[in-house]
C-alpha atoms as a PDB file:
ATOM      1  CA  UNK A   1      -1.356  -2.463  -8.343  1.00  0.00           C
ATOM      2  CA  UNK A   2      -3.739  -0.658  -6.873  1.00  0.00           C
ATOM      3  CA  UNK A   3      -6.193  -3.642  -6.288  1.00  0.00           C
ATOM      4  CA  UNK A   4      -3.432  -5.570  -5.346  1.00  0.00           C
ATOM      5  CA  UNK A   5      -2.813  -3.138  -1.890  1.00  0.00           C
ATOM      6  CA  UNK A   6      -5.932  -3.086  -1.795  1.00  0.00           C
ATOM      7  CA  UNK A   7      -6.178  -6.557  -0.966  1.00  0.00           C
ATOM      8  CA  UNK A   8      -2.761  -6.870   0.787  1.00  0.00           C
ATOM      9  CA  UNK A   9      -4.025  -4.660   3.224  1.00  0.00           C
ATOM     10  CA  UNK A  10      -7.298  -5.999   3.414  1.00  0.00           C
ATOM     11  CA  UNK A  11      -5.849  -9.051   4.667  1.00  0.00           C
ATOM     12  CA  UNK A  12      -3.904  -7.227   7.602  1.00  0.00           C
ATOM     13  CA  UNK A  13      -6.386  -5.168   9.727  1.00  0.00           C
ATOM     14  CA  UNK A  14      -9.324  -5.549  11.867  1.00  0.00           C
ATOM     15  CA  UNK A  15     -11.498  -3.323   9.915  1.00  0.00           C
ATOM     16  CA  UNK A  16     -11.150  -4.137   6.200  1.00  0.00           C
ATOM     17  CA  UNK A  17     -14.031  -2.117   5.063  1.00  0.00           C
ATOM     18  CA  UNK A  18     -11.925   1.488   6.229  1.00  0.00           C
ATOM     19  CA  UNK A  19      -9.085   0.474   4.141  1.00  0.00           C
ATOM     20  CA  UNK A  20      -8.964   3.358   0.676  1.00  0.00           C
ATOM     21  CA  UNK A  21      -6.320   2.882  -1.549  1.00  0.00           C
ATOM     22  CA  UNK A  22      -5.865   6.534  -3.830  1.00  0.00           C
ATOM     23  CA  UNK A  23      -4.105   6.376  -7.336  1.00  0.00           C
ATOM     24  CA  UNK A  24      -2.165   9.831  -8.082  1.00  0.00           C
ATOM     25  CA  UNK A  25      -0.358   9.567 -11.372  1.00  0.00           C
ATOM     26  CA  UNK A  26       2.918  10.886 -11.595  1.00  0.00           C
ATOM     27  CA  UNK A  27       5.218  12.054 -14.589  1.00  0.00           C
ATOM     28  CA  UNK A  28       7.791   9.097 -14.230  1.00  0.00           C
ATOM     29  CA  UNK A  29       5.637   7.493 -11.577  1.00  0.00           C
ATOM     30  CA  UNK A  30       2.465   6.839 -10.217  1.00  0.00           C
ATOM     31  CA  UNK A  31       1.864   6.714  -6.359  1.00  0.00           C
ATOM     32  CA  UNK A  32      -0.377   4.786  -4.851  1.00  0.00           C
ATOM     33  CA  UNK A  33      -2.303   6.699  -1.588  1.00  0.00           C
ATOM     34  CA  UNK A  34      -3.265   3.691   1.404  1.00  0.00           C
ATOM     35  CA  UNK A  35      -6.023   5.013   4.172  1.00  0.00           C
ATOM     36  CA  UNK A  36      -6.612   3.318   6.695  1.00  0.00           C
ATOM     37  CA  UNK A  37      -8.414   3.335  10.396  1.00  0.00           C
ATOM     38  CA  UNK A  38      -6.272   4.496  12.464  1.00  0.00           C
ATOM     39  CA  UNK A  39      -6.386   1.421  14.902  1.00  0.00           C
ATOM     40  CA  UNK A  40      -4.853  -0.380  11.874  1.00  0.00           C
ATOM     41  CA  UNK A  41      -2.275   1.615  11.417  1.00  0.00           C
ATOM     42  CA  UNK A  42       0.280  -0.592  13.742  1.00  0.00           C
ATOM     43  CA  UNK A  43      -0.728  -3.900  11.735  1.00  0.00           C
ATOM     44  CA  UNK A  44      -0.246  -1.812   8.315  1.00  0.00           C
ATOM     45  CA  UNK A  45       3.551  -0.745   9.405  1.00  0.00           C
ATOM     46  CA  UNK A  46       4.360  -3.679  11.705  1.00  0.00           C
ATOM     47  CA  UNK A  47       7.823  -2.989  13.817  1.00  0.00           C
ATOM     48  CA  UNK A  48      10.538  -1.231  12.873  1.00  0.00           C
ATOM     49  CA  UNK A  49       8.381  -1.047  10.130  1.00  0.00           C
ATOM     50  CA  UNK A  50       8.959  -4.345   8.034  1.00  0.00           C
ATOM     51  CA  UNK A  51       5.573  -5.424   7.003  1.00  0.00           C
ATOM     52  CA  UNK A  52       5.361  -1.793   5.118  1.00  0.00           C
ATOM     53  CA  UNK A  53       8.845  -2.502   4.036  1.00  0.00           C
ATOM     54  CA  UNK A  54       7.108  -5.641   2.653  1.00  0.00           C
ATOM     55  CA  UNK A  55       4.508  -4.023   1.170  1.00  0.00           C
ATOM     56  CA  UNK A  56       6.125  -2.367  -1.194  1.00  0.00           C
ATOM     57  CA  UNK A  57       8.326  -4.588  -2.150  1.00  0.00           C
ATOM     58  CA  UNK A  58       5.752  -7.186  -3.482  1.00  0.00           C
ATOM     59  CA  UNK A  59       3.736  -3.804  -5.047  1.00  0.00           C
ATOM     60  CA  UNK A  60       7.156  -2.389  -6.152  1.00  0.00           C
ATOM     61  CA  UNK A  61       7.709  -5.719  -7.976  1.00  0.00           C
ATOM     62  CA  UNK A  62       4.474  -5.916  -9.623  1.00  0.00           C
ATOM     63  CA  UNK A  63       4.929  -2.958 -11.001  1.00  0.00           C
ATOM     64  CA  UNK A  64       8.246  -3.006 -12.994  1.00  0.00           C
ATOM     65  CA  UNK A  65       6.841  -6.570 -13.698  1.00  0.00           C
ATOM     66  CA  UNK A  66       4.714  -4.690 -16.530  1.00  0.00           C
ATOM     67  CA  UNK A  67       6.792  -1.547 -17.098  1.00  0.00           C
ATOM     68  CA  UNK A  68       6.138   0.878 -14.022  1.00  0.00           C
ATOM     69  CA  UNK A  69       7.454   2.900 -11.260  1.00  0.00           C
ATOM     70  CA  UNK A  70       4.900   2.993  -8.021  1.00  0.00           C
ATOM     71  CA  UNK A  71       6.064   4.224  -4.726  1.00  0.00           C
ATOM     72  CA  UNK A  72       3.595   3.363  -1.821  1.00  0.00           C
ATOM     73  CA  UNK A  73       2.188   6.035   1.407  1.00  0.00           C
ATOM     74  CA  UNK A  74       0.884   5.021   3.800  1.00  0.00           C
ATOM     75  CA  UNK A  75      -1.622   8.256   5.143  1.00  0.00           C
ATOM     76  CA  UNK A  76      -3.169   8.422   8.543  1.00  0.00           C
END
């Protein structure tokens, strides 16, 4: 899931070298923290959050396939 999120985000931004994903294991879920360059935030979030919602949907579907629960947070 971490690799999927990293690949998706790097394909969207102008500075793929500045994309990083931090995985935090919780008791019941996994939190994936996505960090991108400041000027790429709009590209990852999209108009009215549509791209961010689509990214979260794809990652949640991959996690459900593995029987896990995941939360994607986009952090500056």
